[in-house]
Protein backbone atom coordinates (compact mmCIF):
# COMPACT_ATOMS: atom_id res chain seq x y z
CA UNK A 1 10.69 22.55 4.33
CA UNK A 2 11.59 25.47 6.60
CA UNK A 3 14.93 25.73 8.37
CA UNK A 4 14.78 24.31 11.92
CA UNK A 5 15.13 26.80 14.92
CA UNK A 6 16.80 24.04 16.72
CA UNK A 7 17.88 20.65 15.90
CA UNK A 8 19.58 17.77 17.83
CA UNK A 9 20.53 14.15 17.77
CA UNK A 10 20.15 11.77 20.74
CA UNK A 11 23.60 10.47 21.83
CA UNK A 12 22.41 8.37 24.93
CA UNK A 13 19.34 7.41 26.70
CA UNK A 14 19.08 6.99 30.51
CA UNK A 15 17.66 3.95 32.01
CA UNK A 16 14.53 5.69 33.35
CA UNK A 17 13.72 7.47 29.89
CA UNK A 18 11.19 4.91 29.17
CA UNK A 19 9.41 5.39 32.22
CA UNK A 20 9.06 9.22 31.69
CA UNK A 21 7.80 8.47 28.31
CA UNK A 22 4.95 6.24 29.93
CA UNK A 23 4.09 9.59 31.79
CA UNK A 24 4.13 11.42 28.57
CA UNK A 25 7.42 13.31 29.42
CA UNK A 26 10.77 13.18 27.65
CA UNK A 27 13.63 15.14 29.41
CA UNK A 28 16.40 16.36 27.11
CA UNK A 29 19.62 17.37 28.11
CA UNK A 30 23.08 18.13 26.41
CA UNK A 31 26.13 16.26 26.96
CA UNK A 32 26.86 18.50 29.97
CA UNK A 33 24.22 16.78 31.94
CA UNK A 34 25.11 16.30 35.52
CA UNK A 35 25.73 12.70 36.60
CA UNK A 36 22.73 12.50 39.01
CA UNK A 37 20.21 13.18 36.52
CA UNK A 38 21.55 11.65 33.58
CA UNK A 39 19.58 8.24 33.83
CA UNK A 40 16.42 10.40 33.48
CA UNK A 41 17.58 12.12 30.42
CA UNK A 42 17.84 11.71 26.79
CA UNK A 43 21.21 13.08 26.35
CA UNK A 44 22.08 14.89 22.83
CA UNK A 45 24.71 17.24 21.21
CA UNK A 46 23.69 20.81 21.76
CA UNK A 47 23.15 23.02 18.67
CA UNK A 48 22.34 26.99 18.39
CA UNK A 49 18.79 27.86 19.02
CA UNK A 50 17.98 30.43 16.58
CA UNK A 51 14.69 31.88 17.89
CA UNK A 52 12.50 31.88 20.99
CA UNK A 53 10.24 28.94 21.34
CA UNK A 54 6.56 29.72 21.43
CA UNK A 55 3.17 28.24 21.02
CA UNK A 56 2.27 27.27 17.49
CA UNK A 57 5.64 26.07 16.32
CA UNK A 58 6.37 22.52 15.28
CA UNK A 59 8.50 20.01 16.78
CA UNK A 60 9.59 17.11 14.77
CA UNK A 61 10.81 13.70 16.28
CA UNK A 62 12.23 11.40 13.40
CA UNK A 63 9.21 11.56 11.18
CA UNK A 64 6.51 12.39 13.41
CA UNK A 65 5.24 16.13 13.76
CA UNK A 66 4.09 17.66 17.11
CA UNK A 67 2.50 21.06 17.52
CA UNK A 68 3.82 23.27 20.45
CA UNK A 69 0.84 24.16 22.87
CA UNK A 70 2.82 26.06 25.68
CA UNK A 71 6.24 26.92 26.49
CA UNK A 72 7.42 27.63 30.20
CA UNK A 73 8.91 30.85 30.71
CA UNK A 74 12.54 29.68 30.95
CA UNK A 75 12.44 26.71 28.62
CA UNK A 76 14.00 28.87 25.57
CA UNK A 77 16.99 30.18 28.11
CA UNK A 78 17.39 26.54 29.52
CA UNK A 79 17.59 24.98 25.90
CA UNK A 80 19.83 27.76 24.71
CA UNK A 81 22.38 27.63 27.73
CA UNK A 82 22.12 23.78 28.81
CA UNK A 83 20.46 21.99 26.14
CA UNK A 84 17.78 21.16 28.61
CA UNK A 85 13.93 21.07 28.47
CA UNK A 86 11.39 18.67 29.45
CA UNK A 87 8.78 17.76 26.80
CA UNK A 88 5.23 16.87 28.01
CA UNK A 89 3.00 15.30 25.39
CA UNK A 90 -0.08 16.31 26.92
CA UNK A 91 -1.38 19.39 24.58
CA UNK A 92 -1.77 21.68 27.68
CA UNK A 93 -2.07 25.22 26.68
CA UNK A 94 -0.56 26.71 29.90
CA UNK A 95 3.08 25.38 30.76
CA UNK A 96 2.86 23.21 33.92
CA UNK A 97 6.74 24.28 34.89
CA UNK A 98 8.91 26.96 33.66
CA UNK A 99 11.31 24.60 31.83
CA UNK A 100 8.62 22.49 30.08
CA UNK A 101 7.46 22.63 26.49
CA UNK A 102 4.03 21.09 25.86
CA UNK A 103 3.22 19.12 22.85
CA UNK A 104 0.15 17.95 21.08
CA UNK A 105 0.50 14.29 20.10
CA UNK A 106 1.02 10.93 21.35
CA UNK A 107 4.39 10.35 23.05
CA UNK A 108 7.02 8.06 21.44
CA UNK A 109 7.09 4.42 22.58
CA UNK A 110 10.89 4.57 22.64
CA UNK A 111 13.63 6.89 22.56
CA UNK A 112 17.01 5.61 21.16
CA UNK A 113 20.57 6.87 19.91
CA UNK A 114 20.49 8.54 16.76
CA UNK A 115 16.90 9.73 17.21
CA UNK A 116 16.46 13.40 15.77
CA UNK A 117 14.53 16.16 17.26
CA UNK A 118 13.90 19.54 15.47
CA UNK A 119 11.74 22.80 16.23
CA UNK A 120 10.53 24.70 13.37
CA UNK A 121 8.66 28.15 13.11
CA UNK A 122 5.12 28.49 13.41
CA UNK A 123 2.72 26.38 11.55
CA UNK A 124 0.45 28.34 8.84
């Protein structure tokens, strides 16, 4: 398997994350998350992003693979600087919001501490 562009491990899950998952969204934020939005986020320890996020890449959540279908114009910068992006599991080919990464595949039912997310280079 190829080397990930970015990897994270979930350390805390806000009380409203499950509601977001039902709406096909997951908000990720590093441990510098502001208190007023932490309850909506899956908090993680940030790592170094080694390349720009782009459509065609792959995201892996534990053992499940998702194809990246669209990337908002500030998603890479937000992930690099704040460890923050919103994942939208709708398969859209145009980013809805500037900080959103769209993925093809069913959203997870639950997110919990210890879950791992990694982004990988373009699928071939």
